[in-house]
Protein backbone atom coordinates (compact mmCIF):
# COMPACT_ATOMS: atom_id res chain seq x y z
CA MET A 1 1.44 -13.72 -21.71
CA THR A 2 1.31 -11.70 -18.44
CA VAL A 3 0.19 -12.17 -15.09
CA ARG A 4 -1.18 -9.82 -11.97
CA VAL A 5 -2.62 -10.85 -9.54
CA LEU A 6 -4.75 -8.24 -7.29
CA SER A 7 -8.42 -8.09 -5.56
CA ILE A 8 -10.37 -5.44 -4.79
CA PRO A 9 -10.19 -3.88 -0.76
CA ALA A 10 -13.77 -4.06 0.73
CA ASP A 11 -13.63 -0.45 1.18
CA HIS A 12 -12.85 0.78 -2.18
CA PRO A 13 -15.89 3.90 -3.15
CA ALA A 14 -17.05 1.77 -5.72
CA LEU A 15 -18.55 -0.70 -4.10
CA ALA A 16 -20.71 1.47 -1.72
CA GLY A 17 -23.26 1.43 -5.04
CA HIS A 18 -22.09 -1.79 -6.62
CA PHE A 19 -24.55 -2.91 -4.52
CA PRO A 20 -25.87 -3.23 -0.84
CA GLY A 21 -26.29 -5.17 0.51
CA ASP A 22 -24.08 -7.64 -1.65
CA PRO A 23 -21.18 -5.83 -3.50
CA VAL A 24 -19.98 -6.38 -7.12
CA ALA A 25 -16.94 -4.78 -8.13
CA PRO A 26 -18.01 -2.70 -11.11
CA GLY A 27 -17.19 -3.78 -14.57
CA ALA A 28 -15.66 -0.49 -15.11
CA LEU A 29 -13.28 -1.37 -12.19
CA ILE A 30 -12.01 -4.79 -13.39
CA LEU A 31 -11.57 -2.83 -17.51
CA ASP A 32 -8.80 -0.11 -15.47
CA ALA A 33 -7.65 -2.77 -14.19
CA VAL A 34 -6.61 -5.01 -16.87
CA PHE A 35 -6.13 -0.74 -18.81
CA ARG A 36 -3.13 -0.44 -15.54
CA GLU A 37 -1.80 -3.70 -16.47
CA ALA A 38 -1.16 -2.93 -20.52
CA LYS A 39 0.15 -0.28 -19.31
CA ALA A 40 3.02 -1.43 -17.07
CA ARG A 41 3.70 -3.34 -19.91
CA GLY A 42 4.10 -1.51 -21.65
CA TYR A 43 1.50 -0.96 -24.43
CA ARG A 44 -0.98 2.20 -24.55
CA VAL A 45 -4.80 1.50 -24.51
CA THR A 46 -6.69 3.45 -28.02
CA GLY A 47 -9.78 0.95 -26.87
CA VAL A 48 -12.38 -1.85 -26.26
CA HIS A 49 -12.33 -4.65 -29.24
CA ARG A 50 -14.65 -6.79 -26.69
CA ALA A 51 -15.84 -7.34 -22.80
CA LYS A 52 -17.45 -9.41 -21.45
CA PHE A 53 -18.02 -10.51 -17.72
CA THR A 54 -18.57 -13.68 -16.84
CA GLY A 55 -19.84 -14.12 -13.12
CA PRO A 56 -18.90 -11.20 -10.88
CA LEU A 57 -16.44 -10.19 -8.44
CA ARG A 58 -16.23 -9.81 -5.06
CA PRO A 59 -14.09 -7.59 -2.97
CA GLU A 60 -11.48 -9.23 -1.38
CA THR A 61 -11.62 -11.95 -4.43
CA PRO A 62 -7.14 -12.88 -5.59
CA CYS A 63 -8.56 -12.34 -9.65
CA ARG A 64 -5.26 -12.26 -11.47
CA ILE A 65 -5.05 -10.44 -15.04
CA LEU A 66 -4.02 -12.66 -18.42
CA LEU A 67 -3.07 -11.11 -21.42
CA SER A 68 -1.55 -11.99 -24.19
CA GLU A 69 -0.99 -10.58 -28.40
CA GLY A 70 -3.21 -12.41 -30.14
CA VAL A 71 -4.45 -11.22 -33.90
CA ALA A 72 -6.79 -8.43 -33.44
CA GLY A 73 -5.61 -7.35 -30.25
CA LEU A 74 -4.02 -7.71 -26.91
CA GLU A 75 -6.19 -10.19 -25.34
CA PHE A 76 -7.25 -10.69 -21.63
CA GLN A 77 -8.85 -12.76 -19.53
CA VAL A 78 -9.77 -11.90 -15.34
CA VAL A 79 -9.81 -15.26 -13.40
CA THR A 80 -10.04 -15.81 -9.90
CA ASP A 81 -9.79 -19.66 -8.17
CA THR A 82 -13.05 -20.37 -9.28
CA GLY A 83 -13.09 -19.35 -12.43
CA ARG A 84 -13.03 -17.26 -15.38
CA ILE A 85 -14.97 -14.44 -14.46
CA ALA A 86 -13.90 -11.40 -17.76
CA ARG A 87 -12.65 -11.84 -20.83
CA GLY A 88 -11.90 -9.55 -23.66
CA THR A 89 -9.87 -7.55 -26.08
CA LEU A 90 -8.19 -4.56 -26.18
CA ALA A 91 -7.02 -2.27 -29.24
CA CYS A 92 -3.89 -0.77 -28.58
CA VAL A 93 -0.41 -0.16 -29.93
CA ALA A 94 3.53 -1.19 -28.04
CA GLY A 95 5.01 1.43 -25.73
CA ASP A 96 3.35 4.25 -23.61
CA LEU A 97 3.29 6.99 -26.39
CA SER A 98 1.17 9.17 -23.44
CA GLU A 99 4.71 11.17 -23.23
CA ASN A 100 4.28 11.94 -26.41
CA ALA A 101 0.88 12.93 -26.61
């Protein structure tokens, strides 16, 4: 299992409209961080089997991206100190094949 810690800066442009006065990181932004972590670990993401968001990610809140190989693909969890906020499974292949595509 691999782990990466990150936080979304309060001035990130995606937060301005999501939601004014009560900013929450959009799911797409969280998934992008998961995809980047998978790529950093040598995987090329080809799709999302499933993704479930179970709690909000507030700006400047540290979270951890956990990746592990599962039967159906690369499993991920995103957790904060208060619990899990996202989980799912990515379709991917080992190795960054983007240079050959």
